[in-house]
Amino acid sequence: MCIDKVIGTVKKAVDSENTAKMCGMLFPYVALKKRAVDMYAEEIEKSNLSMEAKIYCLSNAKKMFKRMKNQYEIAEIAINNAVPETDFSENSKVNEEWLDRFMDSAKFVSREDVQIIWGKILAREFENPGETPPNMIRILAEITPELALTFKKVCSMTVFLSKIMNIE
């Protein structure tokens, strides 16, 4: 019941139809407004739910808003970092299942530096649909920023050593 109300409230608070057409597949993630959560809280407070149910719904609203905000930030980064002609509409060839998995994992990414990486990967997928393998999403979701930095360093050493030893 609570989730249905959040979805309905978010739909009331989203931007115009032009935004929906422009953003296409990313619309649910870029149309987020804090006002939606405020409206939801007001509806819960006015409802006939028990006090326990109201507390549960309101505490979950904060968590849901944070997750939606993370998705919003990553979608915005993707839009801002993509090549200008990138098609973000439903006509793009991005696999819906891939996008659902990506955004489902993206809701847990709250560090700004990591969101930038995720946003650039998302932009790249819309620029070249099918280029990012689905298992990459799982790896991204599980790797820590520190481990990613270490991996990057190891990869750069490999390139350096191959140049020194003339290995191709």
N, C-alpha and C. Protein backbone atom coordinates (compact mmCIF):
# COMPACT_ATOMS: atom_id res chain seq x y z
N MET A 1 0.83 -1.20 0.00
CA MET A 1 0.00 0.00 0.00
C MET A 1 0.87 1.26 0.00
N CYS A 2 1.91 1.28 0.81
CA CYS A 2 2.77 2.45 0.90
C CYS A 2 3.48 2.71 -0.41
N ILE A 3 4.00 1.67 -1.05
CA ILE A 3 4.74 1.84 -2.29
C ILE A 3 3.83 2.40 -3.38
N ASP A 4 2.60 1.90 -3.48
CA ASP A 4 1.67 2.41 -4.47
C ASP A 4 1.41 3.90 -4.27
N LYS A 5 1.31 4.33 -3.03
CA LYS A 5 1.09 5.76 -2.75
C LYS A 5 2.30 6.59 -3.15
N VAL A 6 3.51 6.06 -2.88
CA VAL A 6 4.72 6.79 -3.26
C VAL A 6 4.76 6.95 -4.77
N ILE A 7 4.50 5.87 -5.49
CA ILE A 7 4.54 5.93 -6.96
C ILE A 7 3.51 6.92 -7.47
N GLY A 8 2.31 6.87 -6.92
CA GLY A 8 1.27 7.81 -7.34
C GLY A 8 1.63 9.25 -7.03
N THR A 9 2.23 9.46 -5.88
CA THR A 9 2.62 10.81 -5.48
C THR A 9 3.75 11.33 -6.34
N VAL A 10 4.72 10.47 -6.65
CA VAL A 10 5.83 10.88 -7.52
C VAL A 10 5.29 11.26 -8.89
N LYS A 11 4.35 10.49 -9.39
CA LYS A 11 3.77 10.80 -10.70
C LYS A 11 3.09 12.17 -10.70
N LYS A 12 2.47 12.55 -9.58
CA LYS A 12 1.82 13.86 -9.49
C LYS A 12 2.83 15.00 -9.52
N ALA A 13 4.03 14.73 -8.97
CA ALA A 13 5.00 15.80 -8.79
C ALA A 13 6.05 15.90 -9.91
N VAL A 14 5.98 15.03 -10.90
CA VAL A 14 7.00 15.04 -11.96
C VAL A 14 6.84 16.21 -12.91
N ASP A 15 7.90 16.42 -13.69
CA ASP A 15 7.92 17.50 -14.66
C ASP A 15 6.91 17.27 -15.79
N SER A 16 6.91 18.16 -16.75
CA SER A 16 5.96 18.13 -17.85
C SER A 16 6.19 16.95 -18.79
N GLU A 17 5.26 16.77 -19.74
CA GLU A 17 5.39 15.71 -20.73
C GLU A 17 6.61 15.91 -21.61
N ASN A 18 7.04 17.15 -21.80
CA ASN A 18 8.24 17.40 -22.60
C ASN A 18 9.45 16.73 -21.99
N THR A 19 9.56 16.76 -20.69
CA THR A 19 10.67 16.10 -20.02
C THR A 19 10.59 14.61 -20.27
N ALA A 20 9.40 14.06 -20.20
CA ALA A 20 9.23 12.63 -20.44
C ALA A 20 9.68 12.25 -21.84
N LYS A 21 9.31 13.06 -22.82
CA LYS A 21 9.70 12.76 -24.20
C LYS A 21 11.21 12.91 -24.39
N MET A 22 11.80 13.92 -23.77
CA MET A 22 13.22 14.17 -23.93
C MET A 22 14.05 13.06 -23.29
N CYS A 23 13.66 12.64 -22.11
CA CYS A 23 14.46 11.67 -21.36
C CYS A 23 14.08 10.22 -21.65
N GLY A 24 12.91 9.98 -22.17
CA GLY A 24 12.51 8.64 -22.58
C GLY A 24 12.69 7.60 -21.51
N MET A 25 13.64 6.69 -21.74
CA MET A 25 13.84 5.55 -20.85
C MET A 25 14.31 5.97 -19.46
N LEU A 26 14.92 7.13 -19.34
CA LEU A 26 15.42 7.57 -18.03
C LEU A 26 14.40 8.42 -17.29
N PHE A 27 13.22 8.62 -17.86
CA PHE A 27 12.23 9.50 -17.26
C PHE A 27 11.93 9.21 -15.78
N PRO A 28 11.72 7.96 -15.39
CA PRO A 28 11.42 7.73 -13.97
C PRO A 28 12.55 8.15 -13.05
N TYR A 29 13.76 8.24 -13.57
CA TYR A 29 14.91 8.54 -12.74
C TYR A 29 15.27 10.01 -12.74
N VAL A 30 14.89 10.77 -13.77
CA VAL A 30 15.23 12.19 -13.80
C VAL A 30 14.07 13.07 -13.39
N ALA A 31 12.89 12.50 -13.22
CA ALA A 31 11.71 13.30 -12.91
C ALA A 31 11.46 13.41 -11.41
N LEU A 32 12.39 12.98 -10.62
CA LEU A 32 12.24 12.98 -9.18
C LEU A 32 12.17 14.40 -8.62
N LYS A 33 11.29 14.59 -7.68
CA LYS A 33 11.17 15.88 -7.00
C LYS A 33 11.00 15.61 -5.51
N LYS A 34 11.69 16.36 -4.68
CA LYS A 34 11.54 16.20 -3.23
C LYS A 34 10.10 16.46 -2.82
N ARG A 35 9.43 17.31 -3.55
CA ARG A 35 8.04 17.62 -3.25
C ARG A 35 7.17 16.36 -3.21
N ALA A 36 7.53 15.37 -4.01
CA ALA A 36 6.75 14.13 -4.03
C ALA A 36 6.77 13.46 -2.67
N VAL A 37 7.93 13.43 -2.03
CA VAL A 37 8.04 12.81 -0.71
C VAL A 37 7.25 13.63 0.31
N ASP A 38 7.33 14.96 0.21
CA ASP A 38 6.57 15.81 1.12
C ASP A 38 5.06 15.58 0.97
N MET A 39 4.62 15.47 -0.28
CA MET A 39 3.20 15.20 -0.53
C MET A 39 2.81 13.84 0.03
N TYR A 40 3.68 12.87 -0.14
CA TYR A 40 3.43 11.53 0.39
C TYR A 40 3.29 11.56 1.91
N ALA A 41 4.20 12.28 2.56
CA ALA A 41 4.15 12.38 4.02
C ALA A 41 2.83 13.01 4.48
N GLU A 42 2.40 14.05 3.77
CA GLU A 42 1.12 14.69 4.12
C GLU A 42 -0.05 13.71 3.97
N GLU A 43 -0.03 12.92 2.88
CA GLU A 43 -1.11 11.95 2.67
C GLU A 43 -1.12 10.90 3.77
N ILE A 44 0.06 10.45 4.19
CA ILE A 44 0.14 9.45 5.26
C ILE A 44 -0.39 10.02 6.56
N GLU A 45 0.01 11.24 6.89
CA GLU A 45 -0.44 11.86 8.13
C GLU A 45 -1.96 12.02 8.17
N LYS A 46 -2.56 12.30 7.02
CA LYS A 46 -4.02 12.48 6.95
C LYS A 46 -4.78 11.16 6.87
N SER A 47 -4.08 10.07 6.60
CA SER A 47 -4.74 8.79 6.34
C SER A 47 -5.34 8.19 7.61
N ASN A 48 -6.10 7.13 7.40
CA ASN A 48 -6.73 6.40 8.51
C ASN A 48 -5.87 5.23 8.99
N LEU A 49 -4.63 5.20 8.59
CA LEU A 49 -3.74 4.12 9.01
C LEU A 49 -3.46 4.22 10.51
N SER A 50 -3.10 3.09 11.08
CA SER A 50 -2.72 3.10 12.50
C SER A 50 -1.43 3.89 12.66
N MET A 51 -1.14 4.30 13.89
CA MET A 51 0.08 5.08 14.14
C MET A 51 1.31 4.27 13.74
N GLU A 52 1.31 2.97 14.03
CA GLU A 52 2.45 2.11 13.67
C GLU A 52 2.64 2.07 12.16
N ALA A 53 1.55 1.95 11.42
CA ALA A 53 1.63 1.90 9.96
C ALA A 53 2.13 3.23 9.40
N LYS A 54 1.67 4.33 9.99
CA LYS A 54 2.13 5.65 9.55
C LYS A 54 3.63 5.80 9.77
N ILE A 55 4.10 5.39 10.94
CA ILE A 55 5.53 5.47 11.25
C ILE A 55 6.33 4.62 10.27
N TYR A 56 5.85 3.42 10.00
CA TYR A 56 6.53 2.52 9.06
C TYR A 56 6.60 3.15 7.67
N CYS A 57 5.49 3.65 7.18
CA CYS A 57 5.46 4.25 5.85
C CYS A 57 6.36 5.48 5.76
N LEU A 58 6.33 6.32 6.77
CA LEU A 58 7.15 7.53 6.74
C LEU A 58 8.64 7.21 6.85
N SER A 59 9.01 6.21 7.66
CA SER A 59 10.42 5.86 7.76
C SER A 59 10.92 5.25 6.46
N ASN A 60 10.08 4.49 5.80
CA ASN A 60 10.47 3.93 4.50
C ASN A 60 10.53 4.99 3.42
N ALA A 61 9.75 6.04 3.54
CA ALA A 61 9.75 7.11 2.54
C ALA A 61 11.13 7.77 2.48
N LYS A 62 11.75 7.96 3.62
CA LYS A 62 13.08 8.57 3.66
C LYS A 62 14.09 7.69 2.92
N LYS A 63 14.05 6.40 3.19
CA LYS A 63 14.96 5.46 2.54
C LYS A 63 14.70 5.41 1.03
N MET A 64 13.42 5.37 0.65
CA MET A 64 13.06 5.34 -0.77
C MET A 64 13.49 6.62 -1.48
N PHE A 65 13.33 7.76 -0.81
CA PHE A 65 13.73 9.02 -1.41
C PHE A 65 15.24 9.05 -1.65
N LYS A 66 16.00 8.57 -0.68
CA LYS A 66 17.45 8.54 -0.84
C LYS A 66 17.85 7.67 -2.03
N ARG A 67 17.22 6.53 -2.16
CA ARG A 67 17.53 5.63 -3.28
C ARG A 67 17.13 6.26 -4.61
N MET A 68 15.98 6.89 -4.64
CA MET A 68 15.53 7.56 -5.86
C MET A 68 16.46 8.72 -6.20
N LYS A 69 16.93 9.42 -5.19
CA LYS A 69 17.86 10.53 -5.40
C LYS A 69 19.17 10.03 -6.00
N ASN A 70 19.66 8.90 -5.52
CA ASN A 70 20.87 8.31 -6.09
C ASN A 70 20.68 7.99 -7.58
N GLN A 71 19.54 7.40 -7.91
CA GLN A 71 19.24 7.09 -9.31
C GLN A 71 19.15 8.37 -10.14
N TYR A 72 18.50 9.37 -9.58
CA TYR A 72 18.35 10.67 -10.25
C TYR A 72 19.72 11.26 -10.56
N GLU A 73 20.60 11.28 -9.57
CA GLU A 73 21.93 11.87 -9.76
C GLU A 73 22.69 11.14 -10.87
N ILE A 74 22.64 9.83 -10.89
CA ILE A 74 23.35 9.05 -11.90
C ILE A 74 22.76 9.28 -13.28
N ALA A 75 21.43 9.35 -13.37
CA ALA A 75 20.79 9.62 -14.67
C ALA A 75 21.16 11.01 -15.18
N GLU A 76 21.18 12.00 -14.28
CA GLU A 76 21.57 13.36 -14.67
C GLU A 76 23.02 13.40 -15.17
N ILE A 77 23.90 12.70 -14.48
CA ILE A 77 25.30 12.64 -14.89
C ILE A 77 25.40 12.02 -16.28
N ALA A 78 24.63 10.97 -16.52
CA ALA A 78 24.64 10.32 -17.84
C ALA A 78 24.19 11.29 -18.92
N ILE A 79 23.11 11.99 -18.68
CA ILE A 79 22.59 12.94 -19.67
C ILE A 79 23.59 14.05 -19.93
N ASN A 80 24.23 14.54 -18.88
CA ASN A 80 25.19 15.64 -19.02
C ASN A 80 26.53 15.21 -19.62
N ASN A 81 26.85 13.92 -19.59
CA ASN A 81 28.14 13.44 -20.09
C ASN A 81 28.04 12.73 -21.43
N ALA A 82 26.84 12.53 -21.91
CA ALA A 82 26.67 11.82 -23.18
C ALA A 82 26.95 12.75 -24.35
N VAL A 83 27.29 12.14 -25.47
CA VAL A 83 27.45 12.88 -26.71
C VAL A 83 26.12 13.58 -26.99
N PRO A 84 26.14 14.84 -27.46
CA PRO A 84 24.90 15.60 -27.63
C PRO A 84 23.77 14.92 -28.40
N GLU A 85 24.08 14.10 -29.35
CA GLU A 85 23.02 13.46 -30.17
C GLU A 85 22.52 12.15 -29.56
N THR A 86 22.92 11.81 -28.37
CA THR A 86 22.55 10.53 -27.76
C THR A 86 21.04 10.44 -27.59
N ASP A 87 20.49 9.30 -27.98
CA ASP A 87 19.06 9.04 -27.90
C ASP A 87 18.72 8.39 -26.56
N PHE A 88 18.06 9.13 -25.70
CA PHE A 88 17.63 8.59 -24.41
C PHE A 88 16.16 8.18 -24.43
N SER A 89 15.55 8.20 -25.60
CA SER A 89 14.13 7.86 -25.70
C SER A 89 13.92 6.35 -25.67
N GLU A 90 12.66 5.97 -25.68
CA GLU A 90 12.33 4.55 -25.74
C GLU A 90 12.80 3.93 -27.05
N ASN A 91 13.09 4.77 -28.04
CA ASN A 91 13.56 4.29 -29.34
C ASN A 91 15.03 3.90 -29.32
N SER A 92 15.75 4.27 -28.26
CA SER A 92 17.15 3.88 -28.18
C SER A 92 17.20 2.35 -28.13
N LYS A 93 18.30 1.82 -28.45
CA LYS A 93 18.41 0.35 -28.51
C LYS A 93 18.91 -0.24 -27.18
N VAL A 94 18.85 0.55 -26.11
CA VAL A 94 19.27 0.05 -24.80
C VAL A 94 18.27 -1.00 -24.33
N ASN A 95 18.80 -2.12 -23.90
CA ASN A 95 17.97 -3.22 -23.43
C ASN A 95 17.30 -2.82 -22.12
N GLU A 96 15.98 -2.97 -22.06
CA GLU A 96 15.23 -2.56 -20.86
C GLU A 96 15.64 -3.34 -19.63
N GLU A 97 15.90 -4.63 -19.81
CA GLU A 97 16.31 -5.46 -18.68
C GLU A 97 17.67 -4.98 -18.16
N TRP A 98 18.59 -4.64 -19.09
CA TRP A 98 19.90 -4.12 -18.68
C TRP A 98 19.71 -2.84 -17.87
N LEU A 99 18.87 -1.92 -18.38
CA LEU A 99 18.64 -0.64 -17.69
C LEU A 99 17.99 -0.86 -16.33
N ASP A 100 17.04 -1.77 -16.24
CA ASP A 100 16.40 -2.06 -14.95
C ASP A 100 17.41 -2.58 -13.94
N ARG A 101 18.27 -3.48 -14.36
CA ARG A 101 19.30 -4.02 -13.46
C ARG A 101 20.29 -2.93 -13.04
N PHE A 102 20.67 -2.11 -14.01
CA PHE A 102 21.62 -1.04 -13.73
C PHE A 102 21.05 -0.08 -12.70
N MET A 103 19.82 0.40 -12.95
CA MET A 103 19.22 1.39 -12.05
C MET A 103 18.86 0.77 -10.70
N ASP A 104 18.55 -0.52 -10.69
CA ASP A 104 18.27 -1.18 -9.42
C ASP A 104 19.52 -1.18 -8.55
N SER A 105 20.68 -1.41 -9.15
CA SER A 105 21.94 -1.36 -8.40
C SER A 105 22.34 0.08 -8.10
N ALA A 106 22.03 1.00 -9.01
CA ALA A 106 22.43 2.41 -8.86
C ALA A 106 21.78 3.07 -7.65
N LYS A 107 20.65 2.55 -7.21
CA LYS A 107 19.97 3.19 -6.08
C LYS A 107 20.78 3.14 -4.79
N PHE A 108 21.79 2.28 -4.74
CA PHE A 108 22.62 2.16 -3.54
C PHE A 108 23.90 2.98 -3.63
N VAL A 109 24.13 3.65 -4.76
CA VAL A 109 25.37 4.40 -4.98
C VAL A 109 25.16 5.84 -4.54
N SER A 110 25.73 6.21 -3.39
CA SER A 110 25.51 7.55 -2.87
C SER A 110 26.76 8.43 -2.88
N ARG A 111 27.92 7.83 -3.03
CA ARG A 111 29.14 8.64 -3.08
C ARG A 111 29.22 9.35 -4.43
N GLU A 112 29.46 10.65 -4.38
CA GLU A 112 29.47 11.46 -5.60
C GLU A 112 30.51 10.99 -6.60
N ASP A 113 31.71 10.65 -6.14
CA ASP A 113 32.76 10.21 -7.06
C ASP A 113 32.38 8.90 -7.75
N VAL A 114 31.69 8.03 -7.05
CA VAL A 114 31.26 6.76 -7.63
C VAL A 114 30.06 6.98 -8.55
N GLN A 115 29.18 7.91 -8.20
CA GLN A 115 28.04 8.24 -9.06
C GLN A 115 28.53 8.74 -10.42
N ILE A 116 29.61 9.48 -10.43
CA ILE A 116 30.16 9.99 -11.69
C ILE A 116 30.57 8.82 -12.59
N ILE A 117 31.21 7.84 -12.00
CA ILE A 117 31.61 6.66 -12.78
C ILE A 117 30.38 5.95 -13.32
N TRP A 118 29.40 5.74 -12.46
CA TRP A 118 28.17 5.06 -12.89
C TRP A 118 27.45 5.86 -13.98
N GLY A 119 27.41 7.18 -13.82
CA GLY A 119 26.75 8.02 -14.81
C GLY A 119 27.44 7.95 -16.17
N LYS A 120 28.75 7.91 -16.16
CA LYS A 120 29.49 7.82 -17.43
C LYS A 120 29.29 6.47 -18.08
N ILE A 121 29.21 5.42 -17.29
CA ILE A 121 28.93 4.09 -17.85
C ILE A 121 27.54 4.07 -18.46
N LEU A 122 26.58 4.67 -17.79
CA LEU A 122 25.21 4.74 -18.32
C LEU A 122 25.17 5.54 -19.62
N ALA A 123 25.86 6.67 -19.65
CA ALA A 123 25.91 7.48 -20.87
C ALA A 123 26.50 6.67 -22.01
N ARG A 124 27.57 5.95 -21.73
CA ARG A 124 28.25 5.14 -22.75
C ARG A 124 27.32 4.06 -23.29
N GLU A 125 26.51 3.47 -22.41
CA GLU A 125 25.58 2.43 -22.86
C GLU A 125 24.52 3.01 -23.79
N PHE A 126 24.05 4.22 -23.51
CA PHE A 126 23.07 4.84 -24.40
C PHE A 126 23.72 5.27 -25.72
N GLU A 127 24.99 5.63 -25.67
CA GLU A 127 25.70 6.00 -26.90
C GLU A 127 25.96 4.77 -27.77
N ASN A 128 26.27 3.65 -27.14
CA ASN A 128 26.59 2.40 -27.85
C ASN A 128 25.84 1.25 -27.18
N PRO A 129 24.54 1.13 -27.44
CA PRO A 129 23.73 0.10 -26.77
C PRO A 129 24.30 -1.30 -26.95
N GLY A 130 24.31 -2.04 -25.86
CA GLY A 130 24.78 -3.41 -25.86
C GLY A 130 26.28 -3.55 -25.60
N GLU A 131 26.97 -2.44 -25.45
CA GLU A 131 28.42 -2.49 -25.26
C GLU A 131 28.82 -2.89 -23.84
N THR A 132 28.02 -2.54 -22.85
CA THR A 132 28.35 -2.87 -21.46
C THR A 132 27.67 -4.18 -21.08
N PRO A 133 28.46 -5.20 -20.79
CA PRO A 133 27.85 -6.49 -20.45
C PRO A 133 27.07 -6.43 -19.14
N PRO A 134 25.98 -7.18 -19.07
CA PRO A 134 25.16 -7.17 -17.85
C PRO A 134 25.94 -7.58 -16.59
N ASN A 135 26.90 -8.50 -16.73
CA ASN A 135 27.65 -8.92 -15.54
C ASN A 135 28.54 -7.80 -15.00
N MET A 136 28.80 -6.77 -15.81
CA MET A 136 29.56 -5.61 -15.36
C MET A 136 28.78 -4.87 -14.26
N ILE A 137 27.47 -4.88 -14.36
CA ILE A 137 26.64 -4.21 -13.35
C ILE A 137 26.85 -4.85 -11.99
N ARG A 138 26.87 -6.18 -11.96
CA ARG A 138 27.08 -6.89 -10.70
C ARG A 138 28.46 -6.57 -10.13
N ILE A 139 29.46 -6.54 -10.99
CA ILE A 139 30.82 -6.23 -10.54
C ILE A 139 30.87 -4.81 -9.98
N LEU A 140 30.27 -3.86 -10.71
CA LEU A 140 30.24 -2.48 -10.25
C LEU A 140 29.56 -2.34 -8.90
N ALA A 141 28.49 -3.09 -8.72
CA ALA A 141 27.72 -3.00 -7.48
C ALA A 141 28.49 -3.54 -6.29
N GLU A 142 29.41 -4.47 -6.54
CA GLU A 142 30.11 -5.13 -5.44
C GLU A 142 31.50 -4.57 -5.16
N ILE A 143 32.10 -3.92 -6.13
CA ILE A 143 33.48 -3.46 -5.95
C ILE A 143 33.51 -2.17 -5.12
N THR A 144 34.45 -2.09 -4.22
CA THR A 144 34.59 -0.88 -3.41
C THR A 144 35.43 0.13 -4.20
N PRO A 145 35.26 1.41 -3.93
CA PRO A 145 36.08 2.42 -4.63
C PRO A 145 37.59 2.18 -4.44
N GLU A 146 37.97 1.74 -3.26
CA GLU A 146 39.38 1.48 -2.98
C GLU A 146 39.90 0.33 -3.83
N LEU A 147 39.11 -0.73 -3.93
CA LEU A 147 39.51 -1.88 -4.75
C LEU A 147 39.56 -1.49 -6.23
N ALA A 148 38.62 -0.66 -6.67
CA ALA A 148 38.62 -0.20 -8.06
C ALA A 148 39.88 0.61 -8.37
N LEU A 149 40.30 1.45 -7.43
CA LEU A 149 41.52 2.23 -7.61
C LEU A 149 42.74 1.31 -7.69
N THR A 150 42.79 0.32 -6.83
CA THR A 150 43.89 -0.65 -6.87
C THR A 150 43.90 -1.40 -8.20
N PHE A 151 42.74 -1.82 -8.65
CA PHE A 151 42.63 -2.52 -9.93
C PHE A 151 43.12 -1.62 -11.07
N LYS A 152 42.76 -0.36 -11.03
CA LYS A 152 43.21 0.59 -12.05
C LYS A 152 44.73 0.69 -12.06
N LYS A 153 45.33 0.76 -10.87
CA LYS A 153 46.79 0.83 -10.77
C LYS A 153 47.45 -0.42 -11.34
N VAL A 154 46.90 -1.59 -11.01
CA VAL A 154 47.45 -2.84 -11.51
C VAL A 154 47.36 -2.88 -13.04
N CYS A 155 46.24 -2.46 -13.57
CA CYS A 155 46.07 -2.44 -15.03
C CYS A 155 47.08 -1.50 -15.69
N SER A 156 47.34 -0.35 -15.09
CA SER A 156 48.30 0.58 -15.68
C SER A 156 49.72 0.01 -15.61
N MET A 157 50.02 -0.76 -14.59
CA MET A 157 51.35 -1.39 -14.49
C MET A 157 51.51 -2.44 -15.57
N THR A 158 50.45 -3.17 -15.87
CA THR A 158 50.50 -4.19 -16.90
C THR A 158 50.80 -3.56 -18.25
N VAL A 159 50.16 -2.46 -18.57
CA VAL A 159 50.42 -1.75 -19.82
C VAL A 159 51.86 -1.26 -19.84
N PHE A 160 52.33 -0.72 -18.74
CA PHE A 160 53.70 -0.21 -18.65
C PHE A 160 54.70 -1.34 -18.87
N LEU A 161 54.50 -2.49 -18.20
CA LEU A 161 55.42 -3.61 -18.34
C LEU A 161 55.40 -4.18 -19.75
N SER A 162 54.25 -4.25 -20.37
CA SER A 162 54.17 -4.78 -21.73
C SER A 162 54.92 -3.89 -22.71
N LYS A 163 54.94 -2.58 -22.47
CA LYS A 163 55.69 -1.66 -23.34
C LYS A 163 57.18 -1.86 -23.14
N ILE A 164 57.62 -2.05 -21.90
CA ILE A 164 59.05 -2.23 -21.61
C ILE A 164 59.56 -3.54 -22.21
N MET A 165 58.75 -4.58 -22.10
CA MET A 165 59.18 -5.90 -22.55
C MET A 165 58.78 -6.19 -23.99
N ASN A 166 58.20 -5.22 -24.68
CA ASN A 166 57.72 -5.41 -26.06
C ASN A 166 56.76 -6.56 -26.19
N ILE A 167 55.88 -6.69 -25.25
CA ILE A 167 54.85 -7.73 -25.28
C ILE A 167 53.57 -7.12 -25.82
N GLU A 168 52.97 -7.81 -26.72
CA GLU A 168 51.70 -7.30 -27.27
C GLU A 168 50.62 -8.31 -27.15
